N, C-alpha and C. Protein backbone atom coordinates (compact mmCIF):
# COMPACT_ATOMS: atom_id res chain seq x y z
N MET A 1 7.27 137.07 -160.81
CA MET A 1 5.99 136.99 -160.74
C MET A 1 5.96 135.83 -159.50
N THR A 2 5.06 136.53 -158.47
CA THR A 2 4.64 134.80 -157.06
C THR A 2 3.56 134.48 -157.59
N ILE A 3 3.66 133.76 -157.83
CA ILE A 3 1.75 132.59 -157.27
C ILE A 3 1.03 133.11 -155.96
N LYS A 4 0.59 132.66 -155.65
CA LYS A 4 -0.33 133.16 -154.80
C LYS A 4 -1.22 131.30 -154.53
N VAL A 5 -0.27 130.77 -153.38
CA VAL A 5 -0.76 129.16 -152.94
C VAL A 5 -1.80 129.51 -152.38
N GLU A 6 -2.44 130.39 -151.09
CA GLU A 6 -3.41 130.54 -150.40
C GLU A 6 -4.15 129.99 -150.07
N SER A 7 -4.72 130.16 -151.33
CA SER A 7 -6.31 129.48 -151.77
C SER A 7 -6.18 128.06 -152.20
N GLN A 8 -5.26 127.68 -152.62
CA GLN A 8 -4.69 126.11 -153.28
C GLN A 8 -4.53 125.19 -151.97
N ASN A 9 -5.64 124.36 -151.58
CA ASN A 9 -4.87 123.22 -150.85
C ASN A 9 -3.61 122.56 -150.92
N THR A 10 -2.63 122.24 -149.91
CA THR A 10 -1.69 121.76 -150.02
C THR A 10 -1.42 119.90 -150.71
N ASP A 11 -2.86 119.70 -150.59
CA ASP A 11 -3.15 118.21 -151.11
C ASP A 11 -2.89 118.28 -152.47
N GLU A 12 -3.96 119.28 -152.78
CA GLU A 12 -4.12 119.27 -154.55
C GLU A 12 -2.72 119.80 -155.24
N ILE A 13 -1.74 120.56 -154.66
CA ILE A 13 -0.41 120.62 -154.87
C ILE A 13 0.35 119.74 -154.97
N ILE A 14 0.30 118.59 -153.88
CA ILE A 14 0.73 117.42 -154.34
C ILE A 14 0.82 116.79 -155.29
N LYS A 15 -0.79 116.69 -155.19
CA LYS A 15 -1.53 115.79 -155.93
C LYS A 15 -1.03 116.99 -157.45
N GLY A 16 -0.88 117.66 -157.49
CA GLY A 16 -0.38 118.09 -158.93
C GLY A 16 1.06 118.09 -159.46
N CYS A 17 1.99 117.82 -158.23
CA CYS A 17 3.15 117.62 -158.45
C CYS A 17 3.73 116.07 -158.91
N LEU A 18 2.48 115.25 -158.06
CA LEU A 18 2.71 113.91 -158.57
C LEU A 18 2.35 113.53 -160.27
N LYS A 19 1.96 114.40 -160.57
CA LYS A 19 1.33 114.20 -162.13
C LYS A 19 2.40 114.46 -162.93
N GLY A 20 3.61 115.35 -162.41
CA GLY A 20 4.38 116.00 -163.09
C GLY A 20 4.37 117.68 -163.38
N ASP A 21 3.17 118.03 -163.18
CA ASP A 21 2.46 119.55 -163.35
C ASP A 21 4.09 121.07 -162.66
N LYS A 22 4.10 121.16 -163.36
CA LYS A 22 5.17 122.42 -163.26
C LYS A 22 5.31 123.51 -162.28
N LYS A 23 3.91 123.74 -162.44
CA LYS A 23 2.72 124.79 -162.58
C LYS A 23 2.75 124.48 -160.33
N SER A 24 2.40 123.24 -160.42
CA SER A 24 2.22 123.05 -158.71
C SER A 24 3.72 122.83 -157.88
N GLN A 25 4.46 122.05 -158.57
CA GLN A 25 5.73 122.20 -158.23
C GLN A 25 6.99 123.60 -157.76
N ARG A 26 6.71 124.46 -159.27
CA ARG A 26 6.64 125.81 -158.72
C ARG A 26 6.00 126.46 -157.35
N GLN A 27 4.91 126.05 -157.00
CA GLN A 27 3.71 126.73 -156.00
C GLN A 27 4.20 125.46 -154.72
N LEU A 28 4.55 124.31 -154.38
CA LEU A 28 5.21 123.62 -152.98
C LEU A 28 6.57 124.50 -153.33
N TYR A 29 7.24 124.20 -154.49
CA TYR A 29 8.82 125.34 -153.93
C TYR A 29 8.34 126.89 -153.11
N GLU A 30 7.49 127.34 -153.86
CA GLU A 30 7.41 129.20 -153.43
C GLU A 30 6.51 129.34 -152.33
N MET A 31 6.07 127.88 -151.79
CA MET A 31 4.95 127.82 -150.26
C MET A 31 6.10 127.58 -149.39
N PHE A 32 7.30 126.66 -149.75
CA PHE A 32 8.01 126.42 -147.97
C PHE A 32 9.58 126.84 -148.86
N ALA A 33 10.16 127.18 -149.90
CA ALA A 33 11.30 127.52 -149.59
C ALA A 33 12.23 128.57 -148.10
N PRO A 34 11.17 129.41 -148.62
CA PRO A 34 11.39 130.94 -147.78
C PRO A 34 11.97 130.13 -145.79
N LEU A 35 10.60 128.91 -145.11
CA LEU A 35 10.97 128.34 -143.56
C LEU A 35 12.40 127.00 -144.12
N MET A 36 12.15 126.47 -145.41
CA MET A 36 13.28 125.80 -145.44
C MET A 36 14.78 125.99 -146.10
N LEU A 37 14.75 127.69 -145.67
CA LEU A 37 16.31 127.68 -146.40
C LEU A 37 16.53 128.47 -144.65
N SER A 38 15.62 128.78 -144.56
CA SER A 38 16.63 129.09 -142.56
C SER A 38 16.02 127.62 -141.83
N VAL A 39 15.97 126.23 -142.56
CA VAL A 39 16.64 125.31 -141.19
C VAL A 39 17.98 124.88 -142.33
N CYS A 40 18.01 125.21 -143.02
CA CYS A 40 19.71 125.06 -144.02
C CYS A 40 20.60 125.77 -143.36
N ARG A 41 19.57 127.02 -143.14
CA ARG A 41 20.59 128.21 -143.09
C ARG A 41 21.22 128.39 -140.88
N ARG A 42 20.34 127.42 -140.21
CA ARG A 42 20.81 127.22 -139.43
C ARG A 42 21.67 125.90 -139.13
N TYR A 43 22.27 125.27 -140.00
CA TYR A 43 22.71 124.14 -140.17
C TYR A 43 24.45 124.56 -140.57
N ILE A 44 24.34 125.54 -142.02
CA ILE A 44 25.22 126.40 -142.99
C ILE A 44 25.38 127.19 -142.70
N CYS A 45 26.53 128.42 -142.58
CA CYS A 45 26.59 129.70 -141.94
C CYS A 45 26.32 130.21 -143.17
N ASP A 46 27.13 129.99 -144.47
CA ASP A 46 27.26 130.57 -145.62
C ASP A 46 26.04 130.77 -146.07
N PHE A 47 25.31 131.64 -147.01
CA PHE A 47 24.07 131.99 -147.86
C PHE A 47 24.15 131.07 -148.27
N ASP A 48 24.65 131.13 -149.82
CA ASP A 48 24.42 130.73 -150.97
C ASP A 48 25.42 129.24 -150.84
N SER A 49 25.80 128.55 -149.88
CA SER A 49 25.30 127.17 -149.79
C SER A 49 24.36 126.80 -149.24
N ALA A 50 23.21 127.12 -148.02
CA ALA A 50 22.51 126.97 -147.66
C ALA A 50 21.57 126.66 -148.94
N GLN A 51 21.66 127.63 -149.51
CA GLN A 51 20.77 127.75 -151.10
C GLN A 51 20.65 127.28 -152.06
N ASP A 52 21.73 126.24 -151.94
CA ASP A 52 22.07 125.50 -152.95
C ASP A 52 21.81 124.12 -151.58
N VAL A 53 22.34 123.96 -150.82
CA VAL A 53 21.38 122.56 -150.17
C VAL A 53 20.20 122.72 -150.33
N MET A 54 19.65 123.66 -150.06
CA MET A 54 17.90 123.91 -149.87
C MET A 54 17.09 123.33 -151.53
N ILE A 55 17.72 123.85 -152.53
CA ILE A 55 17.44 123.79 -153.75
C ILE A 55 17.87 121.71 -153.96
N LYS A 56 18.58 121.78 -153.57
CA LYS A 56 19.17 119.89 -154.16
C LYS A 56 18.35 119.50 -152.56
N ALA A 57 17.30 119.69 -152.18
CA ALA A 57 16.47 119.22 -151.57
C ALA A 57 15.55 118.88 -151.88
N PHE A 58 15.04 120.02 -152.26
CA PHE A 58 13.43 119.92 -153.22
C PHE A 58 13.68 119.25 -154.36
N MET A 59 14.83 118.66 -155.25
CA MET A 59 14.80 117.75 -156.19
C MET A 59 14.84 116.62 -155.47
N VAL A 60 15.08 116.59 -154.10
CA VAL A 60 15.26 115.43 -153.51
C VAL A 60 13.26 114.76 -153.42
N VAL A 61 13.20 116.29 -152.69
CA VAL A 61 11.60 116.33 -152.33
C VAL A 61 10.34 115.52 -153.14
N PHE A 62 10.99 116.35 -154.43
CA PHE A 62 10.27 115.83 -155.77
C PHE A 62 10.08 114.30 -156.16
N ASP A 63 11.88 114.09 -155.78
CA ASP A 63 11.98 113.06 -156.51
C ASP A 63 11.09 111.86 -154.71
N LYS A 64 11.00 111.79 -153.92
CA LYS A 64 10.48 111.07 -153.44
C LYS A 64 9.30 111.76 -152.63
N LEU A 65 8.28 112.51 -153.59
CA LEU A 65 7.19 112.70 -152.93
C LEU A 65 5.90 111.38 -152.72
N SER A 66 6.00 110.62 -153.94
CA SER A 66 5.75 109.52 -153.73
C SER A 66 5.54 108.63 -152.35
N GLN A 67 6.70 109.00 -151.83
CA GLN A 67 6.77 107.94 -150.02
C GLN A 67 5.95 108.80 -149.17
N PHE A 68 5.63 109.88 -149.63
CA PHE A 68 5.16 110.63 -148.72
C PHE A 68 4.11 110.14 -148.34
N ARG A 69 3.63 109.67 -147.48
CA ARG A 69 2.75 109.05 -146.68
C ARG A 69 0.78 109.89 -146.28
N HIS A 70 1.22 110.81 -145.94
CA HIS A 70 -0.02 111.73 -145.35
C HIS A 70 0.00 111.45 -144.09
N GLU A 71 0.87 110.72 -143.14
CA GLU A 71 1.16 110.22 -142.00
C GLU A 71 2.17 111.60 -141.17
N GLY A 72 1.29 112.51 -140.41
CA GLY A 72 2.20 113.33 -140.24
C GLY A 72 1.97 114.38 -140.78
N SER A 73 2.77 115.81 -140.47
CA SER A 73 2.87 116.89 -141.20
C SER A 73 3.66 117.09 -142.62
N PHE A 74 3.02 117.07 -143.87
CA PHE A 74 4.12 116.91 -144.84
C PHE A 74 5.19 118.25 -144.72
N GLU A 75 4.88 119.61 -144.14
CA GLU A 75 6.30 120.07 -143.89
C GLU A 75 7.53 119.60 -142.92
N GLY A 76 6.34 118.63 -142.05
CA GLY A 76 7.59 117.89 -140.66
C GLY A 76 8.45 116.88 -142.15
N TRP A 77 7.82 116.66 -143.28
CA TRP A 77 7.78 115.97 -143.65
C TRP A 77 9.64 116.48 -144.94
N ILE A 78 9.20 117.23 -145.50
CA ILE A 78 9.74 118.27 -145.96
C ILE A 78 11.39 118.76 -145.07
N ARG A 79 10.92 118.93 -143.96
CA ARG A 79 12.17 119.70 -143.31
C ARG A 79 12.92 118.31 -142.60
N ARG A 80 12.89 117.40 -142.41
CA ARG A 80 13.31 116.43 -142.48
C ARG A 80 14.40 115.58 -143.61
N ILE A 81 14.17 115.98 -145.28
CA ILE A 81 14.53 116.09 -146.45
C ILE A 81 16.00 117.79 -146.14
N MET A 82 14.89 118.69 -145.77
CA MET A 82 16.26 119.71 -145.20
C MET A 82 17.30 119.30 -144.58
N VAL A 83 17.27 118.83 -143.36
CA VAL A 83 17.80 118.33 -142.18
C VAL A 83 18.99 117.80 -143.18
N ASN A 84 18.18 116.48 -143.38
CA ASN A 84 20.20 115.45 -144.29
C ASN A 84 20.50 115.44 -144.85
N GLU A 85 20.08 116.85 -146.24
CA GLU A 85 20.64 117.30 -146.85
C GLU A 85 21.78 118.39 -146.25
N SER A 86 21.79 118.91 -145.15
CA SER A 86 22.46 119.54 -144.99
C SER A 86 23.25 118.64 -144.14
N LEU A 87 22.99 117.64 -143.32
CA LEU A 87 24.06 117.12 -142.82
C LEU A 87 25.00 115.85 -143.55
N SER A 88 24.42 115.90 -144.93
CA SER A 88 25.52 115.38 -145.81
C SER A 88 26.52 116.86 -146.61
N TRP A 89 25.64 118.27 -146.73
CA TRP A 89 26.34 118.46 -147.26
C TRP A 89 27.58 118.74 -145.81
N LEU A 90 27.26 118.71 -144.47
CA LEU A 90 28.24 119.38 -143.50
C LEU A 90 29.25 117.88 -143.99
N ARG A 91 28.78 116.93 -143.73
CA ARG A 91 29.69 115.71 -143.49
C ARG A 91 31.04 115.79 -144.73
N LYS A 92 30.05 116.34 -146.38
CA LYS A 92 31.15 116.59 -147.46
C LYS A 92 32.25 117.51 -146.57
N ASN A 93 31.87 118.55 -146.94
CA ASN A 93 32.91 119.64 -146.55
C ASN A 93 33.26 119.51 -144.81
N LYS A 94 33.35 117.71 -144.69
CA LYS A 94 34.46 118.39 -143.20
C LYS A 94 34.41 119.13 -142.25
N SER A 95 33.55 119.87 -142.16
CA SER A 95 33.22 121.05 -141.55
C SER A 95 32.92 120.55 -139.54
N MET A 96 32.74 120.07 -139.95
CA MET A 96 31.36 119.44 -139.11
C MET A 96 32.36 119.49 -137.46
N TYR A 97 33.12 118.92 -136.86
CA TYR A 97 33.93 118.57 -135.90
C TYR A 97 35.06 119.55 -135.90
N LEU A 98 34.79 120.47 -135.50
CA LEU A 98 35.93 121.68 -135.62
C LEU A 98 35.30 121.76 -133.72
N GLU A 99 36.34 121.42 -132.77
CA GLU A 99 35.98 122.07 -131.56
C GLU A 99 36.74 123.56 -130.91
N VAL A 100 36.31 124.15 -130.19
CA VAL A 100 37.25 125.12 -129.83
C VAL A 100 36.89 125.30 -128.18
N GLU A 101 38.17 125.01 -127.16
CA GLU A 101 38.38 124.66 -126.48
C GLU A 101 37.82 126.88 -125.37
N ILE A 102 36.43 126.15 -124.32
CA ILE A 102 36.04 127.58 -124.12
C ILE A 102 36.37 127.53 -122.52
N GLU A 103 36.13 128.49 -122.02
CA GLU A 103 36.20 128.80 -120.68
C GLU A 103 34.66 129.00 -119.95
N SER A 104 34.10 128.02 -118.97
CA SER A 104 33.14 128.64 -118.57
C SER A 104 32.19 129.29 -118.30
N ALA A 105 31.05 129.35 -117.92
CA ALA A 105 30.45 130.61 -117.89
C ALA A 105 30.16 130.88 -115.92
N ASP A 106 31.11 132.35 -115.83
CA ASP A 106 31.82 132.25 -114.07
C ASP A 106 30.34 132.64 -113.53
N ARG A 107 29.25 132.81 -113.94
CA ARG A 107 27.91 133.36 -113.30
C ARG A 107 26.20 133.73 -113.74
N GLU A 108 25.61 133.77 -112.89
CA GLU A 108 24.37 133.74 -113.74
C GLU A 108 24.23 134.61 -115.21
N ILE A 109 23.38 133.92 -116.13
CA ILE A 109 23.28 135.38 -117.05
C ILE A 109 22.02 135.94 -116.51
N ASP A 110 21.66 136.71 -116.66
CA ASP A 110 20.42 137.62 -116.33
C ASP A 110 19.55 137.54 -117.74
N PHE A 111 18.81 136.91 -118.29
CA PHE A 111 18.39 137.01 -119.54
C PHE A 111 17.14 138.23 -119.38
N GLU A 112 17.14 138.59 -118.38
CA GLU A 112 15.55 139.95 -118.84
C GLU A 112 16.58 140.60 -119.10
N VAL A 113 17.93 141.13 -118.64
CA VAL A 113 18.41 142.03 -119.58
C VAL A 113 18.84 142.30 -120.65
N ILE A 114 19.16 141.45 -121.00
CA ILE A 114 19.55 140.59 -122.05
C ILE A 114 18.04 140.24 -123.45
N SER A 115 17.08 139.60 -123.19
CA SER A 115 15.51 139.13 -123.40
C SER A 115 15.16 141.15 -124.16
N ASP A 116 15.59 142.14 -123.64
CA ASP A 116 15.08 143.25 -123.84
C ASP A 116 15.55 143.46 -125.05
N GLN A 117 16.57 143.22 -125.58
CA GLN A 117 17.60 144.09 -126.71
C GLN A 117 18.10 142.75 -128.09
N LEU A 118 17.39 141.33 -127.07
CA LEU A 118 18.37 140.30 -128.23
C LEU A 118 16.74 140.08 -129.45
N ASN A 119 16.63 139.46 -130.37
CA ASN A 119 15.79 139.57 -131.63
C ASN A 119 15.81 138.15 -132.18
N VAL A 120 15.44 137.60 -132.82
CA VAL A 120 15.42 136.08 -133.63
C VAL A 120 16.58 136.05 -134.09
N GLU A 121 16.56 137.60 -134.33
CA GLU A 121 18.39 137.21 -135.74
C GLU A 121 19.79 137.60 -134.91
N ASP A 122 19.22 138.33 -133.74
CA ASP A 122 20.69 137.94 -132.43
C ASP A 122 21.22 136.66 -132.76
N ILE A 123 19.80 136.07 -132.08
CA ILE A 123 19.56 134.54 -131.24
C ILE A 123 20.25 133.87 -132.53
N MET A 124 20.24 133.55 -133.53
CA MET A 124 20.79 132.43 -134.80
C MET A 124 21.98 133.22 -134.81
N THR A 125 22.69 134.11 -135.50
CA THR A 125 23.78 135.14 -135.64
C THR A 125 24.24 134.53 -134.22
N LEU A 126 23.90 134.38 -132.72
CA LEU A 126 24.65 133.78 -131.58
C LEU A 126 25.10 132.34 -131.78
N VAL A 127 23.91 131.09 -132.55
CA VAL A 127 24.25 130.22 -133.09
C VAL A 127 24.75 129.12 -134.10
N HIS A 128 25.05 130.76 -135.02
CA HIS A 128 26.23 130.56 -136.17
C HIS A 128 27.18 131.00 -135.70
N SER A 129 27.62 131.46 -134.57
CA SER A 129 28.74 131.70 -134.02
C SER A 129 29.39 130.51 -133.33
N LEU A 130 28.63 129.24 -133.04
CA LEU A 130 28.76 127.91 -132.32
C LEU A 130 30.14 127.59 -133.29
N PRO A 131 31.28 126.94 -133.42
CA PRO A 131 31.54 125.81 -134.14
C PRO A 131 30.37 124.40 -134.93
N SER A 132 31.35 124.69 -135.70
CA SER A 132 30.34 124.02 -136.68
C SER A 132 29.34 122.39 -136.19
N GLY A 133 30.41 121.66 -134.92
CA GLY A 133 29.62 120.29 -134.71
C GLY A 133 29.14 120.35 -133.85
N TYR A 134 29.30 121.95 -133.02
CA TYR A 134 28.42 122.20 -131.61
C TYR A 134 27.09 122.54 -132.18
N ARG A 135 27.10 123.47 -133.05
CA ARG A 135 25.94 123.71 -133.88
C ARG A 135 24.53 123.03 -134.30
N THR A 136 25.52 121.80 -135.34
CA THR A 136 25.07 120.88 -135.47
C THR A 136 23.85 120.17 -134.73
N VAL A 137 24.82 119.41 -133.76
CA VAL A 137 24.06 118.59 -132.87
C VAL A 137 23.05 119.74 -132.06
N PHE A 138 22.97 121.04 -131.60
CA PHE A 138 22.81 122.03 -131.04
C PHE A 138 21.26 121.86 -131.60
N ASN A 139 21.12 122.38 -132.87
CA ASN A 139 20.28 122.23 -133.51
C ASN A 139 19.57 121.32 -133.61
N LEU A 140 19.80 120.14 -134.01
CA LEU A 140 19.40 118.56 -134.29
C LEU A 140 18.30 118.00 -132.71
N TYR A 141 19.01 118.48 -132.24
CA TYR A 141 18.73 118.68 -129.79
C TYR A 141 17.74 119.67 -130.23
N ALA A 142 17.94 120.43 -129.53
CA ALA A 142 17.67 122.14 -129.44
C ALA A 142 16.19 122.42 -130.61
N ILE A 143 16.37 122.31 -131.55
CA ILE A 143 14.91 122.79 -132.48
C ILE A 143 14.63 122.06 -133.30
N GLU A 144 15.07 120.68 -133.96
CA GLU A 144 14.80 120.09 -134.33
C GLU A 144 13.85 119.10 -133.55
N GLY A 145 14.18 119.07 -132.04
CA GLY A 145 14.08 117.66 -131.12
C GLY A 145 13.73 116.14 -131.65
N TYR A 146 15.85 116.22 -132.37
CA TYR A 146 16.36 114.77 -131.93
C TYR A 146 16.67 114.12 -130.82
N SER A 147 16.15 113.21 -130.55
CA SER A 147 17.46 112.17 -129.06
C SER A 147 18.16 112.10 -129.64
N HIS A 148 19.58 111.95 -128.12
CA HIS A 148 20.87 112.17 -128.65
C HIS A 148 21.20 110.64 -129.06
N ALA A 149 20.81 109.40 -129.56
CA ALA A 149 20.62 108.51 -129.89
C ALA A 149 20.66 108.71 -131.58
N GLU A 150 19.72 109.24 -131.46
CA GLU A 150 19.46 109.69 -133.02
C GLU A 150 19.89 110.41 -133.59
N ILE A 151 20.57 111.66 -132.87
CA ILE A 151 21.71 112.26 -134.04
C ILE A 151 22.98 111.41 -133.50
N ALA A 152 23.51 110.75 -132.57
CA ALA A 152 24.39 109.81 -132.32
C ALA A 152 24.55 108.60 -134.12
N LYS A 153 22.87 108.10 -134.55
CA LYS A 153 22.97 107.27 -135.59
C LYS A 153 23.03 108.18 -137.11
N GLN A 154 22.45 109.70 -136.79
CA GLN A 154 22.52 110.57 -138.04
C GLN A 154 23.89 111.10 -138.39
N LEU A 155 24.60 111.07 -137.77
CA LEU A 155 26.01 111.65 -137.46
C LEU A 155 27.54 110.73 -137.38
N ASN A 156 26.46 109.61 -137.40
CA ASN A 156 27.83 108.71 -137.31
C ASN A 156 28.74 108.61 -135.98
N ILE A 157 28.24 109.51 -135.02
CA ILE A 157 29.23 109.38 -134.12
C ILE A 157 28.59 108.75 -132.38
N ASN A 158 29.75 108.71 -131.82
CA ASN A 158 28.71 108.21 -130.26
C ASN A 158 28.01 108.58 -129.45
N VAL A 159 26.92 108.64 -128.88
CA VAL A 159 25.58 109.22 -127.81
C VAL A 159 26.32 110.26 -126.93
N ASN A 160 27.20 109.37 -126.55
CA ASN A 160 28.30 110.45 -125.67
C ASN A 160 28.98 111.78 -126.16
N THR A 161 29.51 111.86 -127.20
CA THR A 161 29.86 112.63 -128.17
C THR A 161 28.89 114.03 -128.05
N SER A 162 27.28 112.88 -128.86
CA SER A 162 26.22 114.35 -129.15
C SER A 162 26.33 114.68 -127.71
N LYS A 163 26.10 114.31 -127.01
CA LYS A 163 25.86 114.88 -125.59
C LYS A 163 26.66 115.77 -125.52
N SER A 164 27.76 115.91 -125.32
CA SER A 164 29.49 116.34 -124.87
C SER A 164 29.56 117.75 -125.90
N GLN A 165 28.75 117.50 -127.12
CA GLN A 165 28.57 118.61 -128.13
C GLN A 165 27.45 119.92 -127.88
N LEU A 166 26.41 118.94 -126.82
CA LEU A 166 24.95 119.71 -127.15
C LEU A 166 25.99 120.18 -126.03
N SER A 167 26.48 120.23 -125.12
CA SER A 167 26.98 120.35 -123.39
C SER A 167 27.27 121.33 -124.01
N ARG A 168 28.64 121.51 -124.62
CA ARG A 168 29.70 122.35 -124.83
C ARG A 168 28.94 123.55 -125.88
N ALA A 169 28.07 123.03 -126.77
CA ALA A 169 27.25 124.23 -127.59
C ALA A 169 27.22 125.31 -126.11
N ARG A 170 25.72 124.89 -125.10
CA ARG A 170 25.36 125.20 -123.83
C ARG A 170 26.51 126.09 -123.58
N ILE A 171 27.42 125.80 -122.80
CA ILE A 171 28.25 126.32 -122.33
C ILE A 171 28.63 127.59 -123.35
N LEU A 172 28.83 127.08 -124.55
CA LEU A 172 29.43 128.58 -124.96
C LEU A 172 28.28 129.96 -125.56
N LEU A 173 27.27 129.47 -125.34
CA LEU A 173 25.89 130.19 -125.89
C LEU A 173 25.86 130.83 -124.83
N GLN A 174 26.27 130.19 -123.58
CA GLN A 174 25.74 130.98 -122.06
C GLN A 174 26.78 132.27 -122.05
N LYS A 175 27.96 131.81 -122.33
CA LYS A 175 28.82 133.00 -122.25
C LYS A 175 29.41 133.58 -123.24
N LYS A 176 28.25 133.57 -124.10
CA LYS A 176 28.28 134.90 -125.51
C LYS A 176 27.38 135.43 -124.72
N LEU A 177 26.04 135.18 -124.26
CA LEU A 177 25.26 135.62 -123.45
C LEU A 177 25.52 136.36 -122.14
N ALA A 178 26.80 135.98 -121.59
CA ALA A 178 27.61 136.35 -120.41
C ALA A 178 28.11 137.98 -121.01
N ASP A 179 28.28 137.78 -122.23
CA ASP A 179 29.27 138.42 -122.54
C ASP A 179 27.99 139.82 -123.58
N LEU A 180 27.47 139.27 -123.79
CA LEU A 180 26.27 140.32 -124.12
C LEU A 180 26.06 141.48 -122.62
N GLU A 181 25.39 140.57 -121.85
CA GLU A 181 24.97 141.06 -120.81
C GLU A 181 25.76 142.07 -120.38
N LYS A 182 27.13 142.20 -120.05
CA LYS A 182 28.59 142.73 -119.58
C LYS A 182 28.32 144.78 -120.69
N ILE A 183 27.87 144.13 -121.69
CA ILE A 183 27.60 145.26 -122.79
C ILE A 183 26.67 146.06 -122.61
N ALA A 184 25.78 145.17 -122.35
CA ALA A 184 23.98 145.45 -122.11
C ALA A 184 24.42 146.65 -120.69
N GLU A 185 25.19 146.13 -119.72
CA GLU A 185 24.65 146.57 -117.87
C GLU A 185 25.17 148.53 -118.49
N PRO A 186 24.45 148.94 -117.93
CA PRO A 186 24.70 150.56 -118.16
C PRO A 186 26.03 150.61 -117.11
N LYS A 187 26.85 152.00 -117.57
CA LYS A 187 28.23 152.41 -116.82
C LYS A 187 27.44 153.31 -116.12
N ILE A 188 28.16 153.46 -114.87
CA ILE A 188 28.17 153.86 -113.99
C ILE A 188 29.23 155.29 -114.13
N ILE A 189 28.46 155.97 -114.02
CA ILE A 189 29.70 157.47 -113.70
C ILE A 189 29.70 157.98 -112.62
N GLU A 190 31.07 157.84 -112.89
CA GLU A 190 31.32 158.25 -110.75
C GLU A 190 31.66 160.08 -111.10
N HIS A 191 30.78 161.10 -110.08
CA HIS A 191 31.11 162.29 -110.65
C HIS A 191 32.21 162.65 -109.34
N GLY A 192 32.81 163.77 -109.70
CA GLY A 192 33.87 164.47 -108.45
C GLY A 192 35.32 163.61 -108.02
N LYS A 193 35.47 162.61 -108.83
CA LYS A 193 36.68 162.31 -109.31
C LYS A 193 38.00 162.70 -109.72
């Protein structure tokens, strides 16, 4: 059974959660869980692990809800908790700093050819295929909007390491897109030979 939350104000739901109302907590969870699961999945490829992290992060949300100051968006506040919990999971699982050698893209990519055939799921699949360290820095920088200094602090790495990881992520994504472009190019069949 799903509870409709569209008609109820988020502030009212937050007030209910602060009072310990289970119905309000369920409404808040159902309102934000799908979006927050996608945030966790950007960092953690395994669906079950990402879901576990999201649930743990929601426990933090409920525990720290009294600290929300109504400055900025509530969704942004929850998102930051989701990102922090995802990063904690990555640190605990020590899968973050795996790097692979990559060759640089040897030509410009025709994004028009590819964009006709890619959807959001395809792009997320490409991002998920990045090594964990690259993917984490790429998500923090390109999607979440963190600066390299903030990323370095969050991940306990050097600022130059953050920049390097982002650069390598971009190069690897460009290579993967170039490979997709080669697949998407029409084959020319020569007749008469």
